[in-house]
Amino acid sequence: MREELDMGLADKAKNAAQDAAGKVKEAAGKTTGNDDLKNEGKVDQGKSSLKKAGENIKDAFKG
């Protein structure tokens, strides 16, 4: 049980980091006029959101 909790927290931390990095990329892209970087940031945020949704579904079935 403890191991599952640690893995869940690690996954959530990775997702939060990916979301934050995506926001930074998007902001940098907007600032510099680099549409590719801005779009890459949006993609990173989208991936993070999907992973978060998956984690929420797993959590719902656990508890």
N, C-alpha and C. Protein backbone atom coordinates (compact mmCIF):
# COMPACT_ATOMS: atom_id res chain seq x y z
N MET A 1 0.82 -1.19 0.00
CA MET A 1 0.00 0.00 0.00
C MET A 1 0.87 1.26 0.00
N ARG A 2 1.88 1.27 0.83
CA ARG A 2 2.79 2.42 0.91
C ARG A 2 3.46 2.67 -0.43
N GLU A 3 3.86 1.60 -1.09
CA GLU A 3 4.53 1.71 -2.38
C GLU A 3 3.59 2.34 -3.43
N GLU A 4 2.33 1.93 -3.41
CA GLU A 4 1.35 2.50 -4.34
C GLU A 4 1.16 3.99 -4.08
N LEU A 5 1.12 4.36 -2.81
CA LEU A 5 0.97 5.77 -2.45
C LEU A 5 2.16 6.58 -2.95
N ASP A 6 3.36 6.04 -2.74
CA ASP A 6 4.57 6.73 -3.21
C ASP A 6 4.57 6.89 -4.72
N MET A 7 4.16 5.85 -5.42
CA MET A 7 4.12 5.91 -6.90
C MET A 7 3.08 6.93 -7.35
N GLY A 8 1.93 6.96 -6.66
CA GLY A 8 0.89 7.93 -7.01
C GLY A 8 1.37 9.35 -6.82
N LEU A 9 2.05 9.59 -5.72
CA LEU A 9 2.58 10.93 -5.45
C LEU A 9 3.66 11.30 -6.46
N ALA A 10 4.49 10.34 -6.81
CA ALA A 10 5.55 10.60 -7.80
C ALA A 10 4.93 10.93 -9.15
N ASP A 11 3.91 10.17 -9.54
CA ASP A 11 3.24 10.44 -10.82
C ASP A 11 2.59 11.82 -10.81
N LYS A 12 1.95 12.16 -9.71
CA LYS A 12 1.30 13.47 -9.61
C LYS A 12 2.33 14.60 -9.66
N ALA A 13 3.48 14.38 -9.03
CA ALA A 13 4.54 15.39 -9.06
C ALA A 13 5.09 15.56 -10.48
N LYS A 14 5.26 14.45 -11.19
CA LYS A 14 5.73 14.51 -12.57
C LYS A 14 4.73 15.25 -13.45
N ASN A 15 3.45 14.97 -13.24
CA ASN A 15 2.41 15.64 -14.02
C ASN A 15 2.40 17.14 -13.75
N ALA A 16 2.55 17.52 -12.48
CA ALA A 16 2.58 18.93 -12.12
C ALA A 16 3.80 19.62 -12.74
N ALA A 17 4.93 18.92 -12.74
CA ALA A 17 6.15 19.48 -13.34
C ALA A 17 5.98 19.65 -14.84
N GLN A 18 5.35 18.66 -15.49
CA GLN A 18 5.12 18.75 -16.94
C GLN A 18 4.18 19.90 -17.25
N ASP A 19 3.16 20.09 -16.43
CA ASP A 19 2.23 21.19 -16.64
C ASP A 19 2.94 22.53 -16.48
N ALA A 20 3.75 22.64 -15.43
CA ALA A 20 4.48 23.89 -15.18
C ALA A 20 5.46 24.19 -16.32
N ALA A 21 6.16 23.15 -16.78
CA ALA A 21 7.09 23.34 -17.89
C ALA A 21 6.35 23.77 -19.14
N GLY A 22 5.18 23.19 -19.35
CA GLY A 22 4.37 23.57 -20.51
C GLY A 22 3.95 25.03 -20.44
N LYS A 23 3.59 25.48 -19.26
CA LYS A 23 3.19 26.88 -19.10
C LYS A 23 4.36 27.82 -19.37
N VAL A 24 5.54 27.42 -18.90
CA VAL A 24 6.73 28.23 -19.14
C VAL A 24 7.04 28.29 -20.64
N LYS A 25 6.97 27.13 -21.31
CA LYS A 25 7.23 27.10 -22.75
C LYS A 25 6.22 27.96 -23.50
N GLU A 26 4.96 27.84 -23.12
CA GLU A 26 3.93 28.63 -23.80
C GLU A 26 4.19 30.13 -23.62
N ALA A 27 4.51 30.53 -22.39
CA ALA A 27 4.78 31.94 -22.12
C ALA A 27 6.01 32.42 -22.87
N ALA A 28 7.05 31.59 -22.90
CA ALA A 28 8.27 31.96 -23.63
C ALA A 28 7.98 32.09 -25.12
N GLY A 29 7.17 31.18 -25.63
CA GLY A 29 6.80 31.24 -27.04
C GLY A 29 6.02 32.49 -27.37
N LYS A 30 5.11 32.87 -26.48
CA LYS A 30 4.34 34.10 -26.70
C LYS A 30 5.25 35.32 -26.67
N THR A 31 6.16 35.32 -25.69
CA THR A 31 7.05 36.47 -25.52
C THR A 31 7.98 36.65 -26.71
N THR A 32 8.50 35.54 -27.22
CA THR A 32 9.47 35.62 -28.30
C THR A 32 8.84 35.54 -29.68
N GLY A 33 7.53 35.29 -29.73
CA GLY A 33 6.87 35.15 -31.02
C GLY A 33 7.14 33.81 -31.68
N ASN A 34 7.58 32.84 -30.89
CA ASN A 34 7.90 31.50 -31.40
C ASN A 34 6.65 30.61 -31.25
N ASP A 35 5.90 30.49 -32.35
CA ASP A 35 4.67 29.72 -32.30
C ASP A 35 4.92 28.24 -32.03
N ASP A 36 6.03 27.70 -32.52
CA ASP A 36 6.33 26.29 -32.27
C ASP A 36 6.52 26.02 -30.78
N LEU A 37 7.26 26.89 -30.12
CA LEU A 37 7.49 26.73 -28.68
C LEU A 37 6.18 26.91 -27.90
N LYS A 38 5.39 27.89 -28.31
CA LYS A 38 4.11 28.13 -27.66
C LYS A 38 3.21 26.90 -27.80
N ASN A 39 3.15 26.34 -28.99
CA ASN A 39 2.32 25.15 -29.22
C ASN A 39 2.85 23.93 -28.48
N GLU A 40 4.16 23.80 -28.41
CA GLU A 40 4.77 22.69 -27.66
C GLU A 40 4.37 22.78 -26.19
N GLY A 41 4.34 23.99 -25.66
CA GLY A 41 3.91 24.19 -24.28
C GLY A 41 2.47 23.79 -24.07
N LYS A 42 1.62 24.12 -25.02
CA LYS A 42 0.21 23.74 -24.93
C LYS A 42 0.05 22.23 -24.99
N VAL A 43 0.85 21.57 -25.83
CA VAL A 43 0.80 20.11 -25.93
C VAL A 43 1.23 19.49 -24.60
N ASP A 44 2.29 20.00 -24.01
CA ASP A 44 2.75 19.49 -22.71
C ASP A 44 1.66 19.63 -21.65
N GLN A 45 0.98 20.75 -21.66
CA GLN A 45 -0.09 20.97 -20.69
C GLN A 45 -1.25 20.00 -20.94
N GLY A 46 -1.55 19.75 -22.21
CA GLY A 46 -2.61 18.81 -22.55
C GLY A 46 -2.28 17.40 -22.10
N LYS A 47 -1.04 16.99 -22.32
CA LYS A 47 -0.61 15.66 -21.88
C LYS A 47 -0.72 15.54 -20.37
N SER A 48 -0.31 16.58 -19.68
CA SER A 48 -0.39 16.58 -18.23
C SER A 48 -1.84 16.46 -17.76
N SER A 49 -2.74 17.16 -18.43
CA SER A 49 -4.16 17.10 -18.06
C SER A 49 -4.72 15.70 -18.25
N LEU A 50 -4.33 15.05 -19.35
CA LEU A 50 -4.80 13.68 -19.60
C LEU A 50 -4.27 12.72 -18.54
N LYS A 51 -3.01 12.87 -18.18
CA LYS A 51 -2.43 12.01 -17.15
C LYS A 51 -3.12 12.25 -15.81
N LYS A 52 -3.41 13.52 -15.52
CA LYS A 52 -4.09 13.84 -14.26
C LYS A 52 -5.48 13.20 -14.23
N ALA A 53 -6.17 13.25 -15.35
CA ALA A 53 -7.49 12.62 -15.42
C ALA A 53 -7.38 11.12 -15.18
N GLY A 54 -6.37 10.50 -15.76
CA GLY A 54 -6.14 9.07 -15.54
C GLY A 54 -5.87 8.75 -14.08
N GLU A 55 -5.07 9.59 -13.44
CA GLU A 55 -4.78 9.41 -12.02
C GLU A 55 -6.06 9.56 -11.18
N ASN A 56 -6.90 10.52 -11.55
CA ASN A 56 -8.14 10.73 -10.81
C ASN A 56 -9.06 9.51 -10.95
N ILE A 57 -9.08 8.90 -12.12
CA ILE A 57 -9.89 7.71 -12.34
C ILE A 57 -9.35 6.56 -11.49
N LYS A 58 -8.03 6.39 -11.50
CA LYS A 58 -7.42 5.33 -10.67
C LYS A 58 -7.74 5.55 -9.19
N ASP A 59 -7.65 6.81 -8.75
CA ASP A 59 -7.93 7.14 -7.35
C ASP A 59 -9.38 6.83 -7.00
N ALA A 60 -10.28 7.09 -7.93
CA ALA A 60 -11.70 6.85 -7.68
C ALA A 60 -11.97 5.35 -7.47
N PHE A 61 -11.27 4.51 -8.22
CA PHE A 61 -11.48 3.07 -8.09
C PHE A 61 -10.78 2.51 -6.85
N LYS A 62 -9.74 3.18 -6.38
CA LYS A 62 -9.03 2.71 -5.17
C LYS A 62 -9.85 2.97 -3.92
N GLY A 63 -10.47 4.15 -3.87
CA GLY A 63 -11.10 4.54 -2.62
C GLY A 63 -12.57 4.52 -2.69
